[in-house]
Amino acid sequence: MDRDGVINTRLPDAYVYNPEQFEFMPGVPDAIARLRTLFDPIVVVTNQQGIGKELMTSAQLDEVHQYMLRELEKAKAHIDKIYYCPDLKNSGSGFRKPESGMAIQAKADFPQINFEQSIIVGDSWSDMEFGQRLGMYCVFISTKAGENLELESRGIHIHAEFPSLPAFTDSLFRIK
């Protein structure tokens, strides 16, 4: 899953570069704990170009992620690993979503991952294109009406749309 806008509140035109700025979206720790009963592993793939822009360091990002993981553990939620790409948007990096580099890294670390049996949960076109390229089931977290029209205009297919990660999680447990 993606981080900003899915797990934590996205800061408009800014980056979360310290734990004090990190705020979980409502209900997310419980949702991740519930997802844990259905999925293994659970990984985060996140673009973090604030590092490439020299607005934050890798150490600062690690501090934010350690805080996030500690808080999730308090809710009995667990993320197996966080992958991030510090490269700038126009760098041509094969690791920056929508490219597949972080997914390939995750598969190397967790050989049981089968992309065609995996789900990407994200809130941007790059998340959905990332999933589409790998054959994943694409769940779009949409907080504004009409956002999925932008995806369609880019030729990106989404499988499901929800207003939040907890809403998606609730849907899975209604099906089960």
C-alpha atoms as a PDB file:
ATOM      1  CA  MET A   1       0.000   0.000   0.000  1.00  0.00           C
ATOM      2  CA  ASP A   2       0.944   3.628  -0.397  1.00  0.00           C
ATOM      3  CA  ARG A   3       1.632   5.796   2.676  1.00  0.00           C
ATOM      4  CA  ASP A   4       0.634   9.469   2.299  1.00  0.00           C
ATOM      5  CA  GLY A   5      -3.110   9.780   1.802  1.00  0.00           C
ATOM      6  CA  VAL A   6      -3.741   6.108   2.647  1.00  0.00           C
ATOM      7  CA  ILE A   7      -2.065   5.502   6.017  1.00  0.00           C
ATOM      8  CA  ASN A   8      -1.436   9.078   7.111  1.00  0.00           C
ATOM      9  CA  THR A   9      -2.861  12.462   6.302  1.00  0.00           C
ATOM     10  CA  ARG A  10      -1.243  13.936   3.222  1.00  0.00           C
ATOM     11  CA  LEU A  11       0.195  17.400   3.814  1.00  0.00           C
ATOM     12  CA  PRO A  12      -0.769  19.665   0.908  1.00  0.00           C
ATOM     13  CA  ASP A  13       2.345  20.791  -0.972  1.00  0.00           C
ATOM     14  CA  ALA A  14       4.566  19.613   1.895  1.00  0.00           C
ATOM     15  CA  TYR A  15       6.347  16.528   3.230  1.00  0.00           C
ATOM     16  CA  VAL A  16       6.054  14.673   6.512  1.00  0.00           C
ATOM     17  CA  TYR A  17       9.629  14.999   7.723  1.00  0.00           C
ATOM     18  CA  ASN A  18       9.247  14.438  11.467  1.00  0.00           C
ATOM     19  CA  PRO A  19       7.019  12.284  13.692  1.00  0.00           C
ATOM     20  CA  GLU A  20       5.133  15.332  14.998  1.00  0.00           C
ATOM     21  CA  GLN A  21       3.753  15.902  11.483  1.00  0.00           C
ATOM     22  CA  PHE A  22       2.651  12.300  11.038  1.00  0.00           C
ATOM     23  CA  GLU A  23      -1.065  11.821  11.643  1.00  0.00           C
ATOM     24  CA  PHE A  24      -2.830   8.534  10.968  1.00  0.00           C
ATOM     25  CA  MET A  25      -5.951   8.709   8.851  1.00  0.00           C
ATOM     26  CA  PRO A  26      -8.960   7.818  11.048  1.00  0.00           C
ATOM     27  CA  GLY A  27      -9.258   4.092  11.743  1.00  0.00           C
ATOM     28  CA  VAL A  28      -6.130   3.088   9.853  1.00  0.00           C
ATOM     29  CA  PRO A  29      -4.225   1.254  12.623  1.00  0.00           C
ATOM     30  CA  ASP A  30      -7.243  -0.981  13.266  1.00  0.00           C
ATOM     31  CA  ALA A  31      -7.756  -1.483   9.519  1.00  0.00           C
ATOM     32  CA  ILE A  32      -4.145  -2.639   9.095  1.00  0.00           C
ATOM     33  CA  ALA A  33      -4.501  -4.993  12.063  1.00  0.00           C
ATOM     34  CA  ARG A  34      -7.583  -6.506  10.407  1.00  0.00           C
ATOM     35  CA  LEU A  35      -5.862  -6.736   7.009  1.00  0.00           C
ATOM     36  CA  ARG A  36      -3.080  -8.649   8.708  1.00  0.00           C
ATOM     37  CA  THR A  37      -5.493 -11.546   9.276  1.00  0.00           C
ATOM     38  CA  LEU A  38      -6.016 -11.810   5.500  1.00  0.00           C
ATOM     39  CA  PHE A  39      -2.695 -10.793   3.939  1.00  0.00           C
ATOM     40  CA  ASP A  40       0.950 -11.682   4.465  1.00  0.00           C
ATOM     41  CA  PRO A  41       3.175  -9.862   3.827  1.00  0.00           C
ATOM     42  CA  ILE A  42       1.951  -6.282   4.030  1.00  0.00           C
ATOM     43  CA  VAL A  43       4.393  -3.761   2.593  1.00  0.00           C
ATOM     44  CA  VAL A  44       4.380  -0.027   1.998  1.00  0.00           C
ATOM     45  CA  VAL A  45       5.723   1.456  -1.246  1.00  0.00           C
ATOM     46  CA  THR A  46       6.066   5.219  -1.159  1.00  0.00           C
ATOM     47  CA  ASN A  47       7.644   7.946  -3.264  1.00  0.00           C
ATOM     48  CA  GLN A  48       9.513  10.369  -1.000  1.00  0.00           C
ATOM     49  CA  GLN A  49      11.066  12.966  -3.281  1.00  0.00           C
ATOM     50  CA  GLY A  50      11.423  15.357  -0.335  1.00  0.00           C
ATOM     51  CA  ILE A  51      14.790  13.632   0.134  1.00  0.00           C
ATOM     52  CA  GLY A  52      15.769  14.252  -3.484  1.00  0.00           C
ATOM     53  CA  LYS A  53      14.759  17.891  -3.072  1.00  0.00           C
ATOM     54  CA  GLU A  54      16.973  18.051   0.041  1.00  0.00           C
ATOM     55  CA  LEU A  55      14.018  19.116   2.203  1.00  0.00           C
ATOM     56  CA  MET A  56      14.589  16.123   4.470  1.00  0.00           C
ATOM     57  CA  THR A  57      17.132  13.380   4.983  1.00  0.00           C
ATOM     58  CA  SER A  58      16.841   9.604   4.840  1.00  0.00           C
ATOM     59  CA  ALA A  59      17.460   9.623   8.600  1.00  0.00           C
ATOM     60  CA  GLN A  60      14.471  11.925   9.132  1.00  0.00           C
ATOM     61  CA  LEU A  61      12.297   9.675   6.985  1.00  0.00           C
ATOM     62  CA  ASP A  62      13.474   6.617   8.924  1.00  0.00           C
ATOM     63  CA  GLU A  63      12.495   8.401  12.153  1.00  0.00           C
ATOM     64  CA  VAL A  64       8.984   9.016  10.761  1.00  0.00           C
ATOM     65  CA  HIS A  65       8.686   5.393   9.677  1.00  0.00           C
ATOM     66  CA  GLN A  66       9.923   4.057  13.014  1.00  0.00           C
ATOM     67  CA  TYR A  67       7.317   6.212  14.766  1.00  0.00           C
ATOM     68  CA  MET A  68       4.602   4.914  12.419  1.00  0.00           C
ATOM     69  CA  LEU A  69       5.620   1.285  13.004  1.00  0.00           C
ATOM     70  CA  ARG A  70       5.736   1.714  16.800  1.00  0.00           C
ATOM     71  CA  GLU A  71       2.271   3.278  16.819  1.00  0.00           C
ATOM     72  CA  LEU A  72       0.908   0.507  14.598  1.00  0.00           C
ATOM     73  CA  GLU A  73       2.358  -2.159  16.895  1.00  0.00           C
ATOM     74  CA  LYS A  74       0.418  -0.579  19.795  1.00  0.00           C
ATOM     75  CA  ALA A  75      -2.746  -1.316  17.779  1.00  0.00           C
ATOM     76  CA  LYS A  76      -1.511  -4.864  17.072  1.00  0.00           C
ATOM     77  CA  ALA A  77      -0.991  -3.867  13.464  1.00  0.00           C
ATOM     78  CA  HIS A  78       2.154  -4.807  11.601  1.00  0.00           C
ATOM     79  CA  ILE A  79       3.781  -3.782   8.350  1.00  0.00           C
ATOM     80  CA  ASP A  80       6.497  -6.147   7.195  1.00  0.00           C
ATOM     81  CA  LYS A  81       8.630  -3.616   5.353  1.00  0.00           C
ATOM     82  CA  ILE A  82       8.599  -0.087   3.987  1.00  0.00           C
ATOM     83  CA  TYR A  83      10.128   0.631   0.589  1.00  0.00           C
ATOM     84  CA  TYR A  84      10.663   4.218  -0.457  1.00  0.00           C
ATOM     85  CA  CYS A  85      12.092   6.018  -3.426  1.00  0.00           C
ATOM     86  CA  PRO A  86      13.860   9.316  -2.679  1.00  0.00           C
ATOM     87  CA  ASP A  87      14.314  10.208  -6.340  1.00  0.00           C
ATOM     88  CA  LEU A  88      12.821  13.270  -7.986  1.00  0.00           C
ATOM     89  CA  LYS A  89       9.711  12.936 -10.131  1.00  0.00           C
ATOM     90  CA  ASN A  90      11.562  13.605 -13.389  1.00  0.00           C
ATOM     91  CA  SER A  91      14.651  11.543 -12.533  1.00  0.00           C
ATOM     92  CA  GLY A  92      13.738   8.566 -14.710  1.00  0.00           C
ATOM     93  CA  SER A  93      14.284   6.291 -11.721  1.00  0.00           C
ATOM     94  CA  GLY A  94      13.081   2.728 -12.134  1.00  0.00           C
ATOM     95  CA  PHE A  95      12.167   2.688  -8.443  1.00  0.00           C
ATOM     96  CA  ARG A  96       9.828   5.658  -8.386  1.00  0.00           C
ATOM     97  CA  LYS A  97       6.167   4.730  -8.802  1.00  0.00           C
ATOM     98  CA  PRO A  98       4.679   4.096 -11.298  1.00  0.00           C
ATOM     99  CA  GLU A  99       7.843   2.158 -12.199  1.00  0.00           C
ATOM    100  CA  SER A 100       8.157  -1.317 -10.692  1.00  0.00           C
ATOM    101  CA  GLY A 101      11.483  -1.168  -8.837  1.00  0.00           C
ATOM    102  CA  MET A 102      10.082  -1.139  -5.308  1.00  0.00           C
ATOM    103  CA  ALA A 103       7.808  -4.089  -6.142  1.00  0.00           C
ATOM    104  CA  ILE A 104      10.752  -6.064  -7.537  1.00  0.00           C
ATOM    105  CA  GLN A 105      12.674  -5.310  -4.322  1.00  0.00           C
ATOM    106  CA  ALA A 106       9.709  -6.492  -2.236  1.00  0.00           C
ATOM    107  CA  LYS A 107       9.467  -9.731  -4.223  1.00  0.00           C
ATOM    108  CA  ALA A 108      13.181 -10.367  -3.684  1.00  0.00           C
ATOM    109  CA  ASP A 109      12.650  -9.926   0.082  1.00  0.00           C
ATOM    110  CA  PHE A 110       9.370 -11.862   0.133  1.00  0.00           C
ATOM    111  CA  PRO A 111       9.494 -14.530  -2.615  1.00  0.00           C
ATOM    112  CA  GLN A 112       5.948 -15.619  -1.801  1.00  0.00           C
ATOM    113  CA  ILE A 113       4.616 -12.389  -3.319  1.00  0.00           C
ATOM    114  CA  ASN A 114       2.650 -13.037  -6.492  1.00  0.00           C
ATOM    115  CA  PHE A 115       1.811  -9.706  -8.105  1.00  0.00           C
ATOM    116  CA  GLU A 116      -1.275 -11.092  -9.821  1.00  0.00           C
ATOM    117  CA  GLN A 117      -2.616 -12.129  -6.410  1.00  0.00           C
ATOM    118  CA  SER A 118      -1.634  -8.849  -4.758  1.00  0.00           C
ATOM    119  CA  ILE A 119      -3.514  -5.646  -4.046  1.00  0.00           C
ATOM    120  CA  ILE A 120      -2.208  -2.101  -4.304  1.00  0.00           C
ATOM    121  CA  VAL A 121      -4.077   0.458  -2.209  1.00  0.00           C
ATOM    122  CA  GLY A 122      -3.224   4.015  -3.190  1.00  0.00           C
ATOM    123  CA  ASP A 123      -4.572   7.502  -3.693  1.00  0.00           C
ATOM    124  CA  SER A 124      -2.825   8.623  -6.872  1.00  0.00           C
ATOM    125  CA  TRP A 125      -2.577   7.765 -10.548  1.00  0.00           C
ATOM    126  CA  SER A 126       1.031   6.628 -10.032  1.00  0.00           C
ATOM    127  CA  ASP A 127      -0.107   4.077  -7.422  1.00  0.00           C
ATOM    128  CA  MET A 128      -2.771   2.721  -9.754  1.00  0.00           C
ATOM    129  CA  GLU A 129      -0.458   2.620 -12.775  1.00  0.00           C
ATOM    130  CA  PHE A 130       2.156   0.852 -10.612  1.00  0.00           C
ATOM    131  CA  GLY A 131      -0.399  -1.816  -9.739  1.00  0.00           C
ATOM    132  CA  GLN A 132      -1.742  -2.081 -13.270  1.00  0.00           C
ATOM    133  CA  ARG A 133       1.754  -2.629 -14.719  1.00  0.00           C
ATOM    134  CA  LEU A 134       2.286  -5.522 -12.309  1.00  0.00           C
ATOM    135  CA  GLY A 135      -1.168  -7.083 -12.764  1.00  0.00           C
ATOM    136  CA  MET A 136      -2.304  -6.231  -9.242  1.00  0.00           C
ATOM    137  CA  TYR A 137      -5.847  -5.616  -8.078  1.00  0.00           C
ATOM    138  CA  CYS A 138      -5.994  -1.800  -7.864  1.00  0.00           C
ATOM    139  CA  VAL A 139      -7.895  -0.161  -5.007  1.00  0.00           C
ATOM    140  CA  PHE A 140      -8.163   3.603  -5.306  1.00  0.00           C
ATOM    141  CA  ILE A 141      -8.634   5.698  -2.175  1.00  0.00           C
ATOM    142  CA  SER A 142     -10.554   8.713  -3.399  1.00  0.00           C
ATOM    143  CA  THR A 143     -11.284  11.686  -1.205  1.00  0.00           C
ATOM    144  CA  LYS A 144     -12.638  13.950  -3.958  1.00  0.00           C
ATOM    145  CA  ALA A 145     -15.475  13.376  -6.389  1.00  0.00           C
ATOM    146  CA  GLY A 146     -14.361  12.709  -9.941  1.00  0.00           C
ATOM    147  CA  GLU A 147     -10.778  11.722  -9.154  1.00  0.00           C
ATOM    148  CA  ASN A 148     -11.197   8.427 -10.965  1.00  0.00           C
ATOM    149  CA  LEU A 149     -11.971  10.331 -14.188  1.00  0.00           C
ATOM    150  CA  GLU A 150      -8.340  11.467 -14.256  1.00  0.00           C
ATOM    151  CA  LEU A 151      -7.284   7.824 -14.017  1.00  0.00           C
ATOM    152  CA  GLU A 152      -9.556   6.833 -16.881  1.00  0.00           C
ATOM    153  CA  SER A 153      -8.207   9.680 -19.008  1.00  0.00           C
ATOM    154  CA  ARG A 154      -4.703   8.239 -18.472  1.00  0.00           C
ATOM    155  CA  GLY A 155      -5.886   4.756 -19.489  1.00  0.00           C
ATOM    156  CA  ILE A 156      -5.552   3.412 -15.953  1.00  0.00           C
ATOM    157  CA  HIS A 157      -8.116   0.872 -14.816  1.00  0.00           C
ATOM    158  CA  ILE A 158      -9.077   0.648 -11.171  1.00  0.00           C
ATOM    159  CA  HIS A 159     -10.875  -2.368  -9.744  1.00  0.00           C
ATOM    160  CA  ALA A 160     -12.426  -0.714  -6.694  1.00  0.00           C
ATOM    161  CA  GLU A 161     -12.753   2.732  -5.153  1.00  0.00           C
ATOM    162  CA  PHE A 162     -13.240   3.580  -1.478  1.00  0.00           C
ATOM    163  CA  PRO A 163     -13.098   6.776   0.580  1.00  0.00           C
ATOM    164  CA  SER A 164     -10.534   5.294   3.003  1.00  0.00           C
ATOM    165  CA  LEU A 165      -8.453   2.241   3.891  1.00  0.00           C
ATOM    166  CA  PRO A 166     -10.895   1.331   6.715  1.00  0.00           C
ATOM    167  CA  ALA A 167     -13.813   1.417   4.247  1.00  0.00           C
ATOM    168  CA  PHE A 168     -11.923  -0.981   1.956  1.00  0.00           C
ATOM    169  CA  THR A 169     -11.097  -3.244   4.909  1.00  0.00           C
ATOM    170  CA  ASP A 170     -14.730  -3.254   6.047  1.00  0.00           C
ATOM    171  CA  SER A 171     -15.789  -4.359   2.554  1.00  0.00           C
ATOM    172  CA  LEU A 172     -13.444  -7.346   2.706  1.00  0.00           C
ATOM    173  CA  PHE A 173     -14.875  -8.500   6.015  1.00  0.00           C
ATOM    174  CA  ARG A 174     -18.451  -8.159   4.739  1.00  0.00           C
ATOM    175  CA  ILE A 175     -17.513 -10.447   1.842  1.00  0.00           C
ATOM    176  CA  LYS A 176     -15.716 -12.997   4.003  1.00  0.00           C
END
